Amino acid sequence: ISDLPSDLRWNDVYKIGGLSLLISLLATIYPAWQASRTQPAEALRYE
């Protein structure tokens, strides 16, 4: 094989970027919500 053909479509780049941003946002919502409900004194007690 002398070369590898590739075709970069900007629409695909935007879709993948948006999807990865959405997944990372969804993955951080629950831990952030849970941490916001914790009292600071209770969290520091177990440190």
N, C-alpha and C. Protein backbone atom coordinates (compact mmCIF):
# COMPACT_ATOMS: atom_id res chain seq x y z
N ILE A 1 0.86 -1.18 0.00
CA ILE A 1 0.00 0.00 0.00
C ILE A 1 0.90 1.23 0.00
N SER A 2 0.75 2.04 -1.01
CA SER A 2 1.60 3.22 -1.13
C SER A 2 1.03 4.43 -0.39
N ASP A 3 -0.28 4.51 -0.27
CA ASP A 3 -0.88 5.61 0.49
C ASP A 3 -2.21 5.16 1.09
N LEU A 4 -2.67 5.92 2.05
CA LEU A 4 -3.92 5.62 2.73
C LEU A 4 -4.89 6.77 2.48
N PRO A 5 -5.93 6.54 1.72
CA PRO A 5 -6.87 7.64 1.45
C PRO A 5 -7.67 8.02 2.69
N SER A 6 -7.84 9.29 2.89
CA SER A 6 -8.64 9.76 4.03
C SER A 6 -9.45 10.98 3.59
N ASP A 7 -10.57 11.15 4.20
CA ASP A 7 -11.45 12.27 3.89
C ASP A 7 -11.94 12.85 5.20
N LEU A 8 -11.49 14.05 5.53
CA LEU A 8 -11.88 14.70 6.77
C LEU A 8 -13.13 15.53 6.52
N ARG A 9 -14.20 15.18 7.21
CA ARG A 9 -15.44 15.93 7.08
C ARG A 9 -15.65 16.73 8.36
N TRP A 10 -15.77 18.04 8.22
CA TRP A 10 -15.88 18.91 9.39
C TRP A 10 -17.17 18.65 10.16
N ASN A 11 -18.19 18.20 9.47
CA ASN A 11 -19.44 17.87 10.14
C ASN A 11 -19.22 16.74 11.14
N ASP A 12 -18.43 15.74 10.76
CA ASP A 12 -18.12 14.64 11.67
C ASP A 12 -17.28 15.10 12.85
N VAL A 13 -16.36 16.01 12.60
CA VAL A 13 -15.51 16.54 13.68
C VAL A 13 -16.37 17.27 14.71
N TYR A 14 -17.32 18.07 14.24
CA TYR A 14 -18.21 18.80 15.15
C TYR A 14 -19.12 17.85 15.92
N LYS A 15 -19.62 16.81 15.25
CA LYS A 15 -20.48 15.84 15.93
C LYS A 15 -19.72 15.10 17.02
N ILE A 16 -18.51 14.64 16.72
CA ILE A 16 -17.71 13.91 17.71
C ILE A 16 -17.33 14.81 18.87
N GLY A 17 -16.96 16.05 18.57
CA GLY A 17 -16.62 16.99 19.63
C GLY A 17 -17.80 17.30 20.54
N GLY A 18 -18.95 17.52 19.94
CA GLY A 18 -20.15 17.80 20.72
C GLY A 18 -20.59 16.61 21.55
N LEU A 19 -20.51 15.43 20.97
CA LEU A 19 -20.90 14.22 21.69
C LEU A 19 -19.96 13.95 22.87
N SER A 20 -18.66 14.15 22.66
CA SER A 20 -17.73 13.92 23.76
C SER A 20 -17.92 14.96 24.86
N LEU A 21 -18.24 16.18 24.50
CA LEU A 21 -18.52 17.21 25.50
C LEU A 21 -19.78 16.86 26.29
N LEU A 22 -20.80 16.38 25.61
CA LEU A 22 -22.05 15.99 26.27
C LEU A 22 -21.83 14.82 27.21
N ILE A 23 -21.07 13.83 26.79
CA ILE A 23 -20.81 12.66 27.64
C ILE A 23 -20.01 13.07 28.87
N SER A 24 -19.00 13.93 28.70
CA SER A 24 -18.22 14.35 29.86
C SER A 24 -19.06 15.20 30.81
N LEU A 25 -19.96 16.01 30.28
CA LEU A 25 -20.85 16.79 31.14
C LEU A 25 -21.79 15.89 31.92
N LEU A 26 -22.37 14.91 31.26
CA LEU A 26 -23.27 13.98 31.94
C LEU A 26 -22.54 13.13 32.98
N ALA A 27 -21.29 12.80 32.73
CA ALA A 27 -20.53 11.98 33.66
C ALA A 27 -20.13 12.76 34.92
N THR A 28 -20.16 14.08 34.87
CA THR A 28 -19.76 14.87 36.03
C THR A 28 -20.93 15.44 36.82
N ILE A 29 -22.14 15.34 36.29
CA ILE A 29 -23.29 15.94 36.98
C ILE A 29 -23.58 15.24 38.30
N TYR A 30 -23.67 13.92 38.32
CA TYR A 30 -24.03 13.21 39.55
C TYR A 30 -22.98 13.39 40.65
N PRO A 31 -21.67 13.20 40.39
CA PRO A 31 -20.70 13.43 41.47
C PRO A 31 -20.71 14.88 41.98
N ALA A 32 -20.90 15.84 41.09
CA ALA A 32 -20.95 17.24 41.53
C ALA A 32 -22.19 17.51 42.37
N TRP A 33 -23.31 16.93 41.97
CA TRP A 33 -24.55 17.10 42.73
C TRP A 33 -24.41 16.46 44.11
N GLN A 34 -23.80 15.28 44.15
CA GLN A 34 -23.61 14.59 45.42
C GLN A 34 -22.65 15.36 46.33
N ALA A 35 -21.61 15.92 45.77
CA ALA A 35 -20.66 16.71 46.56
C ALA A 35 -21.29 18.00 47.06
N SER A 36 -22.21 18.56 46.30
CA SER A 36 -22.84 19.81 46.74
C SER A 36 -23.79 19.58 47.91
N ARG A 37 -24.24 18.37 48.11
CA ARG A 37 -25.15 18.07 49.21
C ARG A 37 -24.40 17.69 50.49
N THR A 38 -23.09 17.51 50.41
CA THR A 38 -22.29 17.11 51.56
C THR A 38 -21.88 18.34 52.36
N GLN A 39 -22.02 18.26 53.67
CA GLN A 39 -21.57 19.34 54.53
C GLN A 39 -20.05 19.33 54.60
N PRO A 40 -19.39 20.50 54.52
CA PRO A 40 -17.93 20.54 54.54
C PRO A 40 -17.33 19.92 55.81
N ALA A 41 -17.94 20.15 56.95
CA ALA A 41 -17.41 19.60 58.20
C ALA A 41 -17.48 18.07 58.19
N GLU A 42 -18.53 17.52 57.62
CA GLU A 42 -18.65 16.05 57.54
C GLU A 42 -17.61 15.47 56.60
N ALA A 43 -17.35 16.15 55.50
CA ALA A 43 -16.36 15.66 54.54
C ALA A 43 -14.96 15.71 55.13
N LEU A 44 -14.67 16.76 55.89
CA LEU A 44 -13.34 16.90 56.48
C LEU A 44 -13.14 15.97 57.67
N ARG A 45 -14.18 15.51 58.26
CA ARG A 45 -14.06 14.61 59.41
C ARG A 45 -13.35 13.32 59.03
N TYR A 46 -13.56 12.84 57.83
CA TYR A 46 -13.00 11.56 57.41
C TYR A 46 -11.70 11.72 56.62
N GLU A 47 -11.15 12.90 56.57
CA GLU A 47 -9.88 13.12 55.87
C GLU A 47 -8.71 12.73 56.72
